[in-house]
Amino acid sequence: MKGEELTTDGYAMKLPNFRISRREIALPIYPRAWGNLRMKSSILGSMVLGALLSCQALANGAADNVTVAETAIGRGYGSFVFIRLSGAPSGSASCAGTPVASSWHFTLALDDTASSKAMYAMLLSAQASGQKVRAVGAGACSEFGTIESLSTLNFVTE
């Protein structure tokens, strides 16, 4: 079969000039299977594109070495705190607008969890003392539709 033509379903294929041992498995390539291959590659392409877009969607804002400039809480706002920092975060969640220095940068839920209470206490302490912090968003706008939720708050030590 070396260098011969093989006819399968009316399509001629030239076999390569090499030997195939009996232990190797040679699978014929049929033209009608190419449609399935195209479909599989388009599904794989869609999965890769989806993964890239979800990474973009999950992007979050972060502000380093900033102070807490302002916080706002009120009965009309709901059970969360608005937070404005001394500098705008780099990046933001896709649900949030482009952060600027004069707007609210993050929100923090005021629920009964220990982590929310600790973050709120840390936020107030940082604001009262002027301590520099690192604030990182959650990549989602859970409390307010156009302002990113706060995920992490760290004191910055120099």
N, C-alpha and C. Protein backbone atom coordinates (compact mmCIF):
# COMPACT_ATOMS: atom_id res chain seq x y z
N MET A 1 0.81 -1.18 0.00
CA MET A 1 0.00 0.00 0.00
C MET A 1 0.86 1.25 0.00
N LYS A 2 2.12 1.09 0.00
CA LYS A 2 3.04 2.22 0.07
C LYS A 2 2.95 3.05 -1.22
N GLY A 3 2.58 4.35 -1.09
CA GLY A 3 2.51 5.24 -2.23
C GLY A 3 1.32 4.99 -3.14
N GLU A 4 0.36 4.19 -2.70
CA GLU A 4 -0.80 3.89 -3.52
C GLU A 4 -1.93 4.84 -3.21
N GLU A 5 -2.95 4.86 -4.10
CA GLU A 5 -4.14 5.65 -3.85
C GLU A 5 -5.19 4.77 -3.21
N LEU A 6 -5.91 5.33 -2.29
CA LEU A 6 -6.97 4.62 -1.59
C LEU A 6 -8.27 5.35 -1.89
N THR A 7 -9.28 4.65 -2.32
CA THR A 7 -10.55 5.28 -2.62
C THR A 7 -11.53 4.93 -1.53
N THR A 8 -12.11 5.98 -0.94
CA THR A 8 -13.08 5.81 0.13
C THR A 8 -14.26 6.71 -0.16
N ASP A 9 -15.41 6.16 -0.33
CA ASP A 9 -16.63 6.92 -0.61
C ASP A 9 -16.46 7.85 -1.81
N GLY A 10 -15.73 7.42 -2.81
CA GLY A 10 -15.58 8.20 -4.03
C GLY A 10 -14.50 9.26 -3.97
N TYR A 11 -13.75 9.36 -2.89
CA TYR A 11 -12.68 10.33 -2.77
C TYR A 11 -11.35 9.61 -2.77
N ALA A 12 -10.45 10.06 -3.61
CA ALA A 12 -9.15 9.41 -3.71
C ALA A 12 -8.19 10.08 -2.74
N MET A 13 -7.43 9.28 -2.03
CA MET A 13 -6.44 9.81 -1.10
C MET A 13 -5.11 9.13 -1.41
N LYS A 14 -4.06 9.89 -1.50
CA LYS A 14 -2.74 9.34 -1.73
C LYS A 14 -2.15 8.96 -0.37
N LEU A 15 -1.76 7.72 -0.24
CA LEU A 15 -1.16 7.28 1.02
C LEU A 15 0.27 7.76 1.10
N PRO A 16 0.75 8.15 2.25
CA PRO A 16 2.12 8.61 2.38
C PRO A 16 3.11 7.47 2.18
N ASN A 17 4.34 7.84 1.87
CA ASN A 17 5.39 6.85 1.63
C ASN A 17 6.12 6.51 2.92
N PHE A 18 5.43 5.89 3.85
CA PHE A 18 6.06 5.40 5.07
C PHE A 18 5.34 4.13 5.50
N ARG A 19 6.01 3.37 6.31
CA ARG A 19 5.43 2.11 6.77
C ARG A 19 4.69 2.31 8.07
N ILE A 20 3.60 1.63 8.21
CA ILE A 20 2.84 1.63 9.44
C ILE A 20 2.95 0.25 10.03
N SER A 21 3.44 0.17 11.25
CA SER A 21 3.57 -1.13 11.88
C SER A 21 2.19 -1.65 12.27
N ARG A 22 2.11 -2.91 12.54
CA ARG A 22 0.83 -3.51 12.89
C ARG A 22 0.31 -3.02 14.23
N ARG A 23 1.19 -2.51 15.06
CA ARG A 23 0.78 -2.04 16.38
C ARG A 23 0.13 -0.65 16.32
N GLU A 24 0.42 0.12 15.27
CA GLU A 24 -0.15 1.45 15.16
C GLU A 24 -1.56 1.36 14.60
N ILE A 25 -2.37 2.28 14.99
CA ILE A 25 -3.74 2.32 14.50
C ILE A 25 -3.85 3.48 13.54
N ALA A 26 -4.23 3.21 12.31
CA ALA A 26 -4.41 4.26 11.31
C ALA A 26 -5.90 4.48 11.14
N LEU A 27 -6.35 5.69 11.38
CA LEU A 27 -7.76 6.01 11.23
C LEU A 27 -7.95 6.75 9.91
N PRO A 28 -8.81 6.27 9.02
CA PRO A 28 -9.03 6.98 7.76
C PRO A 28 -9.77 8.29 8.02
N ILE A 29 -9.49 9.27 7.20
CA ILE A 29 -10.16 10.57 7.30
C ILE A 29 -11.19 10.65 6.20
N TYR A 30 -12.42 10.73 6.55
CA TYR A 30 -13.52 10.82 5.60
C TYR A 30 -13.95 12.27 5.48
N PRO A 31 -14.22 12.74 4.26
CA PRO A 31 -14.65 14.12 4.08
C PRO A 31 -15.93 14.46 4.85
N ARG A 32 -16.85 13.53 4.99
CA ARG A 32 -18.08 13.87 5.72
C ARG A 32 -17.81 14.05 7.21
N ALA A 33 -16.71 13.51 7.71
CA ALA A 33 -16.36 13.70 9.12
C ALA A 33 -15.78 15.09 9.36
N TRP A 34 -15.37 15.77 8.28
CA TRP A 34 -14.82 17.11 8.45
C TRP A 34 -15.86 18.06 9.01
N GLY A 35 -17.12 17.87 8.68
CA GLY A 35 -18.19 18.69 9.24
C GLY A 35 -18.24 18.57 10.75
N ASN A 36 -18.11 17.31 11.24
CA ASN A 36 -18.08 17.11 12.70
C ASN A 36 -16.87 17.77 13.32
N LEU A 37 -15.74 17.70 12.61
CA LEU A 37 -14.52 18.33 13.11
C LEU A 37 -14.70 19.84 13.18
N ARG A 38 -15.33 20.42 12.14
CA ARG A 38 -15.59 21.85 12.17
C ARG A 38 -16.51 22.21 13.32
N MET A 39 -17.53 21.39 13.55
CA MET A 39 -18.45 21.66 14.64
C MET A 39 -17.74 21.57 15.98
N LYS A 40 -16.89 20.55 16.15
CA LYS A 40 -16.16 20.41 17.41
C LYS A 40 -15.22 21.58 17.62
N SER A 41 -14.54 22.03 16.55
CA SER A 41 -13.63 23.16 16.71
C SER A 41 -14.39 24.44 16.98
N SER A 42 -15.61 24.60 16.41
CA SER A 42 -16.37 25.81 16.71
C SER A 42 -16.88 25.78 18.15
N ILE A 43 -17.22 24.61 18.65
CA ILE A 43 -17.63 24.49 20.06
C ILE A 43 -16.45 24.82 20.96
N LEU A 44 -15.27 24.29 20.62
CA LEU A 44 -14.07 24.59 21.41
C LEU A 44 -13.76 26.07 21.34
N GLY A 45 -13.88 26.67 20.16
CA GLY A 45 -13.65 28.11 20.01
C GLY A 45 -14.62 28.91 20.85
N SER A 46 -15.89 28.48 20.89
CA SER A 46 -16.89 29.17 21.70
C SER A 46 -16.55 29.07 23.18
N MET A 47 -16.05 27.90 23.60
CA MET A 47 -15.68 27.72 25.00
C MET A 47 -14.51 28.64 25.37
N VAL A 48 -13.51 28.73 24.48
CA VAL A 48 -12.36 29.59 24.75
C VAL A 48 -12.80 31.04 24.80
N LEU A 49 -13.63 31.46 23.85
CA LEU A 49 -14.13 32.83 23.84
C LEU A 49 -14.94 33.12 25.11
N GLY A 50 -15.78 32.17 25.51
CA GLY A 50 -16.56 32.33 26.74
C GLY A 50 -15.67 32.49 27.96
N ALA A 51 -14.59 31.70 28.01
CA ALA A 51 -13.67 31.79 29.14
C ALA A 51 -12.98 33.16 29.17
N LEU A 52 -12.59 33.65 28.00
CA LEU A 52 -11.95 34.96 27.95
C LEU A 52 -12.92 36.06 28.36
N LEU A 53 -14.15 35.98 27.88
CA LEU A 53 -15.14 36.99 28.24
C LEU A 53 -15.50 36.93 29.71
N SER A 54 -15.56 35.72 30.27
CA SER A 54 -15.88 35.63 31.69
C SER A 54 -14.75 36.18 32.55
N CYS A 55 -13.51 36.03 32.08
CA CYS A 55 -12.40 36.64 32.80
C CYS A 55 -12.54 38.15 32.78
N GLN A 56 -12.94 38.69 31.63
CA GLN A 56 -13.16 40.13 31.55
C GLN A 56 -14.31 40.55 32.45
N ALA A 57 -15.37 39.75 32.46
CA ALA A 57 -16.53 40.08 33.28
C ALA A 57 -16.21 40.02 34.76
N LEU A 58 -15.27 39.18 35.12
CA LEU A 58 -14.91 39.04 36.53
C LEU A 58 -13.77 39.94 36.95
N ALA A 59 -13.37 40.86 36.08
CA ALA A 59 -12.33 41.80 36.44
C ALA A 59 -12.84 42.64 37.62
N ASN A 60 -11.90 43.06 38.47
CA ASN A 60 -12.33 43.86 39.62
C ASN A 60 -11.40 45.05 39.80
N GLY A 61 -11.92 46.04 40.47
CA GLY A 61 -11.14 47.24 40.74
C GLY A 61 -10.26 47.06 41.96
N ALA A 62 -9.15 47.79 41.97
CA ALA A 62 -8.25 47.74 43.11
C ALA A 62 -7.61 49.11 43.28
N ALA A 63 -7.50 49.56 44.50
CA ALA A 63 -6.85 50.83 44.81
C ALA A 63 -5.81 50.58 45.89
N ASP A 64 -4.57 50.94 45.61
CA ASP A 64 -3.47 50.73 46.54
C ASP A 64 -3.04 52.05 47.16
N ASN A 65 -2.66 51.97 48.43
CA ASN A 65 -2.05 53.09 49.13
C ASN A 65 -2.93 54.35 49.10
N VAL A 66 -4.21 54.16 49.38
CA VAL A 66 -5.17 55.27 49.40
C VAL A 66 -5.77 55.40 50.80
N THR A 67 -6.41 56.51 51.04
CA THR A 67 -7.13 56.70 52.29
C THR A 67 -8.64 56.68 52.00
N VAL A 68 -9.41 56.43 53.04
CA VAL A 68 -10.86 56.45 52.91
C VAL A 68 -11.29 57.91 53.03
N ALA A 69 -11.72 58.49 51.92
CA ALA A 69 -12.06 59.92 51.89
C ALA A 69 -13.45 60.18 52.46
N GLU A 70 -14.40 59.28 52.17
CA GLU A 70 -15.77 59.53 52.58
C GLU A 70 -16.54 58.22 52.63
N THR A 71 -17.44 58.12 53.59
CA THR A 71 -18.38 57.00 53.65
C THR A 71 -19.78 57.59 53.82
N ALA A 72 -20.77 56.89 53.33
CA ALA A 72 -22.15 57.35 53.48
C ALA A 72 -23.05 56.17 53.78
N ILE A 73 -23.92 56.39 54.74
CA ILE A 73 -24.88 55.36 55.12
C ILE A 73 -26.19 56.07 55.43
N GLY A 74 -27.28 55.47 55.10
CA GLY A 74 -28.57 56.09 55.37
C GLY A 74 -29.71 55.10 55.20
N ARG A 75 -30.82 55.37 55.86
CA ARG A 75 -31.97 54.45 55.78
C ARG A 75 -32.49 54.32 54.35
N GLY A 76 -32.41 55.39 53.59
CA GLY A 76 -32.90 55.36 52.21
C GLY A 76 -31.99 54.62 51.25
N TYR A 77 -30.74 54.38 51.64
CA TYR A 77 -29.79 53.72 50.76
C TYR A 77 -29.95 52.20 50.74
N GLY A 78 -30.41 51.65 51.80
CA GLY A 78 -30.41 50.19 51.95
C GLY A 78 -29.40 49.81 53.00
N SER A 79 -29.15 48.54 53.16
CA SER A 79 -28.24 48.09 54.22
C SER A 79 -26.82 47.90 53.68
N PHE A 80 -26.26 49.00 53.22
CA PHE A 80 -24.86 49.00 52.78
C PHE A 80 -24.28 50.40 52.92
N VAL A 81 -22.95 50.47 52.82
CA VAL A 81 -22.22 51.72 52.96
C VAL A 81 -21.59 52.06 51.61
N PHE A 82 -21.70 53.33 51.22
CA PHE A 82 -20.98 53.83 50.04
C PHE A 82 -19.58 54.24 50.49
N ILE A 83 -18.57 53.96 49.67
CA ILE A 83 -17.19 54.26 50.03
C ILE A 83 -16.53 55.05 48.89
N ARG A 84 -15.93 56.18 49.24
CA ARG A 84 -15.12 56.94 48.28
C ARG A 84 -13.70 57.01 48.82
N LEU A 85 -12.74 56.71 47.97
CA LEU A 85 -11.33 56.69 48.36
C LEU A 85 -10.64 57.96 47.89
N SER A 86 -9.42 58.16 48.36
CA SER A 86 -8.66 59.35 47.97
C SER A 86 -8.17 59.26 46.53
N GLY A 87 -8.14 58.09 45.96
CA GLY A 87 -7.75 57.89 44.56
C GLY A 87 -8.65 56.85 43.92
N ALA A 88 -8.88 57.00 42.63
CA ALA A 88 -9.76 56.06 41.91
C ALA A 88 -9.07 54.71 41.75
N PRO A 89 -9.83 53.63 41.88
CA PRO A 89 -9.26 52.29 41.66
C PRO A 89 -8.86 52.10 40.20
N SER A 90 -7.86 51.27 39.99
CA SER A 90 -7.52 50.90 38.62
C SER A 90 -8.42 49.73 38.24
N GLY A 91 -9.09 49.85 37.12
CA GLY A 91 -10.02 48.81 36.68
C GLY A 91 -11.30 48.86 37.49
N SER A 92 -12.27 48.09 37.02
CA SER A 92 -13.54 47.98 37.73
C SER A 92 -14.32 46.81 37.16
N ALA A 93 -15.34 46.40 37.86
CA ALA A 93 -16.21 45.32 37.38
C ALA A 93 -16.97 45.83 36.16
N SER A 94 -17.39 44.91 35.30
CA SER A 94 -18.11 45.31 34.08
C SER A 94 -19.45 45.97 34.41
N CYS A 95 -20.01 45.69 35.57
CA CYS A 95 -21.29 46.30 35.95
C CYS A 95 -21.12 47.74 36.42
N ALA A 96 -19.91 48.10 36.82
CA ALA A 96 -19.65 49.44 37.36
C ALA A 96 -19.22 50.38 36.26
N GLY A 97 -19.49 51.65 36.48
CA GLY A 97 -19.00 52.66 35.56
C GLY A 97 -17.51 52.85 35.75
N THR A 98 -16.90 53.67 34.91
CA THR A 98 -15.47 53.97 35.05
C THR A 98 -15.27 54.77 36.33
N PRO A 99 -14.43 54.27 37.25
CA PRO A 99 -14.26 54.97 38.52
C PRO A 99 -13.48 56.27 38.34
N VAL A 100 -13.95 57.31 38.95
CA VAL A 100 -13.25 58.60 38.98
C VAL A 100 -13.12 59.01 40.43
N ALA A 101 -12.21 59.93 40.70
CA ALA A 101 -11.90 60.30 42.09
C ALA A 101 -13.10 60.89 42.83
N SER A 102 -14.01 61.55 42.13
CA SER A 102 -15.11 62.23 42.81
C SER A 102 -16.36 61.37 42.99
N SER A 103 -16.35 60.14 42.53
CA SER A 103 -17.54 59.29 42.65
C SER A 103 -17.35 58.23 43.73
N TRP A 104 -18.42 57.51 44.02
CA TRP A 104 -18.33 56.39 44.95
C TRP A 104 -17.59 55.26 44.27
N HIS A 105 -16.65 54.66 44.97
CA HIS A 105 -15.83 53.61 44.37
C HIS A 105 -16.31 52.21 44.71
N PHE A 106 -16.77 52.02 45.94
CA PHE A 106 -17.19 50.69 46.38
C PHE A 106 -18.41 50.80 47.29
N THR A 107 -19.07 49.65 47.48
CA THR A 107 -20.10 49.53 48.52
C THR A 107 -19.71 48.36 49.41
N LEU A 108 -20.19 48.40 50.64
CA LEU A 108 -19.96 47.31 51.59
C LEU A 108 -21.29 46.96 52.23
N ALA A 109 -21.67 45.68 52.14
CA ALA A 109 -22.93 45.21 52.72
C ALA A 109 -22.85 45.27 54.24
N LEU A 110 -23.94 45.69 54.85
CA LEU A 110 -24.03 45.70 56.31
C LEU A 110 -24.96 44.57 56.73
N ASP A 111 -24.43 43.37 56.75
CA ASP A 111 -25.23 42.22 57.17
C ASP A 111 -24.68 41.68 58.49
N ASP A 112 -25.22 40.60 58.95
CA ASP A 112 -24.86 40.06 60.27
C ASP A 112 -23.66 39.14 60.25
N THR A 113 -22.92 39.07 59.15
CA THR A 113 -21.76 38.18 59.12
C THR A 113 -20.59 38.84 59.84
N ALA A 114 -19.73 38.01 60.40
CA ALA A 114 -18.56 38.52 61.12
C ALA A 114 -17.62 39.27 60.19
N SER A 115 -17.48 38.79 58.96
CA SER A 115 -16.56 39.45 58.03
C SER A 115 -17.05 40.84 57.66
N SER A 116 -18.36 41.01 57.46
CA SER A 116 -18.89 42.34 57.14
C SER A 116 -18.70 43.30 58.31
N LYS A 117 -18.94 42.82 59.52
CA LYS A 117 -18.76 43.66 60.70
C LYS A 117 -17.31 44.06 60.87
N ALA A 118 -16.39 43.11 60.65
CA ALA A 118 -14.96 43.40 60.78
C ALA A 118 -14.50 44.38 59.71
N MET A 119 -14.97 44.21 58.49
CA MET A 119 -14.59 45.13 57.41
C MET A 119 -15.14 46.54 57.66
N TYR A 120 -16.36 46.63 58.18
CA TYR A 120 -16.94 47.94 58.48
C TYR A 120 -16.15 48.63 59.59
N ALA A 121 -15.79 47.88 60.62
CA ALA A 121 -14.98 48.44 61.72
C ALA A 121 -13.62 48.89 61.19
N MET A 122 -13.02 48.10 60.33
CA MET A 122 -11.72 48.44 59.75
C MET A 122 -11.83 49.68 58.87
N LEU A 123 -12.92 49.78 58.11
CA LEU A 123 -13.18 50.92 57.24
C LEU A 123 -13.30 52.21 58.06
N LEU A 124 -14.08 52.16 59.13
CA LEU A 124 -14.24 53.34 59.99
C LEU A 124 -12.94 53.72 60.68
N SER A 125 -12.19 52.71 61.12
CA SER A 125 -10.90 52.96 61.76
C SER A 125 -9.93 53.62 60.78
N ALA A 126 -9.89 53.14 59.56
CA ALA A 126 -9.00 53.71 58.53
C ALA A 126 -9.40 55.14 58.21
N GLN A 127 -10.70 55.39 58.14
CA GLN A 127 -11.17 56.74 57.84
C GLN A 127 -10.84 57.71 58.99
N ALA A 128 -11.07 57.27 60.22
CA ALA A 128 -10.84 58.14 61.38
C ALA A 128 -9.35 58.45 61.58
N SER A 129 -8.49 57.47 61.31
CA SER A 129 -7.06 57.65 61.56
C SER A 129 -6.28 58.15 60.35
N GLY A 130 -6.89 58.10 59.17
CA GLY A 130 -6.17 58.48 57.95
C GLY A 130 -5.20 57.41 57.48
N GLN A 131 -5.33 56.22 58.04
CA GLN A 131 -4.46 55.09 57.67
C GLN A 131 -4.65 54.73 56.20
N LYS A 132 -3.55 54.47 55.51
CA LYS A 132 -3.64 54.07 54.10
C LYS A 132 -4.07 52.61 54.01
N VAL A 133 -4.87 52.33 52.97
CA VAL A 133 -5.42 50.99 52.79
C VAL A 133 -5.25 50.53 51.35
N ARG A 134 -5.47 49.25 51.17
CA ARG A 134 -5.61 48.64 49.84
C ARG A 134 -7.02 48.09 49.79
N ALA A 135 -7.80 48.55 48.82
CA ALA A 135 -9.19 48.11 48.66
C ALA A 135 -9.31 47.36 47.33
N VAL A 136 -9.93 46.19 47.39
CA VAL A 136 -10.11 45.36 46.19
C VAL A 136 -11.59 45.03 46.05
N GLY A 137 -12.09 45.20 44.85
CA GLY A 137 -13.49 44.93 44.57
C GLY A 137 -13.76 43.46 44.35
N ALA A 138 -15.05 43.12 44.40
CA ALA A 138 -15.48 41.73 44.26
C ALA A 138 -15.72 41.33 42.80
N GLY A 139 -15.68 42.28 41.88
CA GLY A 139 -15.96 41.96 40.49
C GLY A 139 -17.45 41.90 40.19
N ALA A 140 -18.28 42.35 41.14
CA ALA A 140 -19.74 42.34 40.98
C ALA A 140 -20.31 43.56 41.69
N CYS A 141 -21.51 43.93 41.30
CA CYS A 141 -22.19 45.07 41.91
C CYS A 141 -23.40 44.54 42.68
N SER A 142 -23.15 43.91 43.82
CA SER A 142 -24.19 43.20 44.56
C SER A 142 -25.16 44.13 45.29
N GLU A 143 -24.67 45.18 45.91
CA GLU A 143 -25.53 46.05 46.71
C GLU A 143 -26.19 47.15 45.87
N PHE A 144 -25.44 47.74 44.98
CA PHE A 144 -25.92 48.86 44.17
C PHE A 144 -25.53 48.56 42.73
N GLY A 145 -26.45 48.65 41.81
CA GLY A 145 -26.26 48.17 40.43
C GLY A 145 -25.09 48.71 39.63
N THR A 146 -24.57 49.89 39.99
CA THR A 146 -23.48 50.47 39.19
C THR A 146 -22.23 50.78 39.99
N ILE A 147 -22.16 50.28 41.22
CA ILE A 147 -20.97 50.49 42.06
C ILE A 147 -20.49 49.13 42.54
N GLU A 148 -19.22 48.88 42.36
CA GLU A 148 -18.65 47.57 42.69
C GLU A 148 -18.66 47.32 44.20
N SER A 149 -18.93 46.08 44.57
CA SER A 149 -18.93 45.67 45.98
C SER A 149 -17.49 45.47 46.45
N LEU A 150 -17.23 45.84 47.69
CA LEU A 150 -15.90 45.68 48.27
C LEU A 150 -15.69 44.23 48.69
N SER A 151 -14.55 43.69 48.33
CA SER A 151 -14.23 42.31 48.67
C SER A 151 -13.17 42.21 49.77
N THR A 152 -12.14 43.04 49.65
CA THR A 152 -11.01 42.96 50.57
C THR A 152 -10.55 44.36 50.96
N LEU A 153 -10.22 44.50 52.21
CA LEU A 153 -9.68 45.77 52.72
C LEU A 153 -8.48 45.44 53.59
N ASN A 154 -7.33 46.01 53.25
CA ASN A 154 -6.09 45.76 54.00
C ASN A 154 -5.50 47.07 54.44
N PHE A 155 -4.92 47.11 55.65
CA PHE A 155 -4.13 48.26 56.06
C PHE A 155 -2.78 48.17 55.35
N VAL A 156 -2.29 49.32 54.88
CA VAL A 156 -0.98 49.36 54.21
C VAL A 156 0.04 49.87 55.23
N THR A 157 1.07 49.10 55.43
CA THR A 157 2.15 49.53 56.32
C THR A 157 3.35 49.87 55.45
N GLU A 158 3.97 50.99 55.74
CA GLU A 158 5.09 51.44 54.90
C GLU A 158 6.40 51.07 55.48
